[in-house]
C-alpha atoms as a PDB file:
ATOM      1  CA  MET A   1     -46.431  -4.967  45.930  1.00  0.00           C
ATOM      2  CA  LEU A   2     -44.004  -7.883  46.221  1.00  0.00           C
ATOM      3  CA  ARG A   3     -46.864 -10.377  46.013  1.00  0.00           C
ATOM      4  CA  SER A   4     -48.106  -8.716  42.840  1.00  0.00           C
ATOM      5  CA  ALA A   5     -44.629  -8.893  41.310  1.00  0.00           C
ATOM      6  CA  ILE A   6     -44.384 -12.569  42.226  1.00  0.00           C
ATOM      7  CA  LEU A   7     -47.762 -13.257  40.607  1.00  0.00           C
ATOM      8  CA  ILE A   8     -46.655 -11.518  37.420  1.00  0.00           C
ATOM      9  CA  VAL A   9     -43.439 -13.501  37.254  1.00  0.00           C
ATOM     10  CA  ALA A  10     -45.404 -16.689  37.894  1.00  0.00           C
ATOM     11  CA  LEU A  11     -47.829 -15.707  35.141  1.00  0.00           C
ATOM     12  CA  ALA A  12     -44.984 -15.097  32.725  1.00  0.00           C
ATOM     13  CA  ILE A  13     -43.463 -18.469  33.560  1.00  0.00           C
ATOM     14  CA  SER A  14     -46.849 -20.160  33.299  1.00  0.00           C
ATOM     15  CA  ALA A  15     -47.498 -18.464  29.998  1.00  0.00           C
ATOM     16  CA  THR A  16     -44.239 -19.681  28.562  1.00  0.00           C
ATOM     17  CA  THR A  17     -45.096 -23.235  29.623  1.00  0.00           C
ATOM     18  CA  ALA A  18     -48.634 -23.030  28.280  1.00  0.00           C
ATOM     19  CA  THR A  19     -47.834 -21.414  24.951  1.00  0.00           C
ATOM     20  CA  ALA A  20     -44.249 -22.568  24.396  1.00  0.00           C
ATOM     21  CA  GLN A  21     -43.250 -18.948  23.983  1.00  0.00           C
ATOM     22  CA  THR A  22     -40.556 -17.049  25.855  1.00  0.00           C
ATOM     23  CA  LEU A  23     -41.421 -13.592  27.060  1.00  0.00           C
ATOM     24  CA  THR A  24     -38.689 -11.000  26.948  1.00  0.00           C
ATOM     25  CA  LYS A  25     -37.889  -8.808  29.927  1.00  0.00           C
ATOM     26  CA  SER A  26     -39.762  -5.911  28.327  1.00  0.00           C
ATOM     27  CA  GLN A  27     -42.787  -8.137  27.639  1.00  0.00           C
ATOM     28  CA  ARG A  28     -42.845  -9.293  31.275  1.00  0.00           C
ATOM     29  CA  LEU A  29     -42.686  -5.648  32.372  1.00  0.00           C
ATOM     30  CA  GLU A  30     -45.537  -4.775  29.988  1.00  0.00           C
ATOM     31  CA  LEU A  31     -47.585  -7.660  31.389  1.00  0.00           C
ATOM     32  CA  LYS A  32     -46.904  -6.504  34.954  1.00  0.00           C
ATOM     33  CA  GLN A  33     -47.785  -2.890  34.197  1.00  0.00           C
ATOM     34  CA  ASN A  34     -50.928  -3.630  32.218  1.00  0.00           C
ATOM     35  CA  CYS A  35     -52.324  -6.694  33.996  1.00  0.00           C
ATOM     36  CA  GLY A  36     -50.947  -6.755  37.536  1.00  0.00           C
ATOM     37  CA  ALA A  37     -54.018  -5.221  39.150  1.00  0.00           C
ATOM     38  CA  ASP A  38     -56.384  -7.365  37.066  1.00  0.00           C
ATOM     39  CA  ILE A  39     -54.540 -10.569  37.972  1.00  0.00           C
ATOM     40  CA  LYS A  40     -54.565  -9.631  41.634  1.00  0.00           C
ATOM     41  CA  ARG A  41     -58.283  -8.778  41.512  1.00  0.00           C
ATOM     42  CA  LEU A  42     -59.545 -11.608  39.317  1.00  0.00           C
ATOM     43  CA  CYS A  43     -57.112 -14.488  39.812  1.00  0.00           C
ATOM     44  CA  SER A  44     -55.811 -14.128  43.360  1.00  0.00           C
ATOM     45  CA  GLY A  45     -57.144 -17.555  44.351  1.00  0.00           C
ATOM     46  CA  ILE A  46     -55.411 -19.344  41.479  1.00  0.00           C
ATOM     47  CA  LYS A  47     -52.249 -21.303  42.229  1.00  0.00           C
ATOM     48  CA  ALA A  48     -49.444 -20.299  39.865  1.00  0.00           C
ATOM     49  CA  GLY A  49     -47.954 -22.904  37.556  1.00  0.00           C
ATOM     50  CA  GLU A  50     -48.800 -25.032  34.556  1.00  0.00           C
ATOM     51  CA  GLY A  51     -50.440 -22.085  32.796  1.00  0.00           C
ATOM     52  CA  ARG A  52     -53.207 -21.649  35.391  1.00  0.00           C
ATOM     53  CA  LEU A  53     -52.777 -17.881  35.817  1.00  0.00           C
ATOM     54  CA  ALA A  54     -52.506 -17.330  32.074  1.00  0.00           C
ATOM     55  CA  GLN A  55     -55.701 -19.345  31.579  1.00  0.00           C
ATOM     56  CA  CYS A  56     -57.461 -17.445  34.374  1.00  0.00           C
ATOM     57  CA  ILE A  57     -56.710 -14.065  32.845  1.00  0.00           C
ATOM     58  CA  ARG A  58     -57.760 -15.352  29.406  1.00  0.00           C
ATOM     59  CA  ASP A  59     -61.000 -16.774  30.843  1.00  0.00           C
ATOM     60  CA  LYS A  60     -61.799 -13.457  32.507  1.00  0.00           C
ATOM     61  CA  ARG A  61     -60.691 -11.339  29.556  1.00  0.00           C
ATOM     62  CA  GLU A  62     -64.040  -9.517  29.380  1.00  0.00           C
ATOM     63  CA  ALA A  63     -63.527  -8.249  32.952  1.00  0.00           C
ATOM     64  CA  VAL A  64     -59.960  -6.959  32.570  1.00  0.00           C
ATOM     65  CA  SER A  65     -58.903  -3.423  31.737  1.00  0.00           C
ATOM     66  CA  PRO A  66     -58.573  -2.511  28.047  1.00  0.00           C
ATOM     67  CA  ALA A  67     -54.778  -2.272  28.372  1.00  0.00           C
ATOM     68  CA  CYS A  68     -54.601  -5.728  29.936  1.00  0.00           C
ATOM     69  CA  ALA A  69     -56.915  -7.224  27.305  1.00  0.00           C
ATOM     70  CA  LYS A  70     -54.674  -5.881  24.544  1.00  0.00           C
ATOM     71  CA  THR A  71     -51.568  -7.211  26.301  1.00  0.00           C
ATOM     72  CA  VAL A  72     -53.140 -10.635  26.828  1.00  0.00           C
ATOM     73  CA  ASP A  73     -54.087 -10.809  23.147  1.00  0.00           C
ATOM     74  CA  GLU A  74     -50.534  -9.941  22.135  1.00  0.00           C
ATOM     75  CA  LEU A  75     -48.457 -11.843  24.700  1.00  0.00           C
ATOM     76  CA  LEU A  76     -50.629 -14.740  25.844  1.00  0.00           C
ATOM     77  CA  PRO A  77     -52.400 -15.988  22.740  1.00  0.00           C
ATOM     78  CA  GLN A  78     -54.719 -18.922  23.252  1.00  0.00           C
ATOM     79  CA  ALA A  79     -52.952 -22.134  22.341  1.00  0.00           C
ATOM     80  CA  LYS A  80     -54.368 -23.545  19.157  1.00  0.00           C
ATOM     81  CA  GLY A  81     -55.435 -27.124  19.487  1.00  0.00           C
END
């Protein structure tokens, strides 16, 4: 449980670095609730930092739960380039 919480916090920090957006406490909680299991299942081998977890969950969007996919679309939009 603690590891999952750490991954979520790392994802939130990575996401803010990658997208230059700051997630609120409620957004981080939403991300944890909706994507924690998916991140643990799909991205457990990814080292947190520099947007790597955010990119992993985006890359595997088709494999995540519907709630996580919606949350990713809302909170971790793909950086436009």
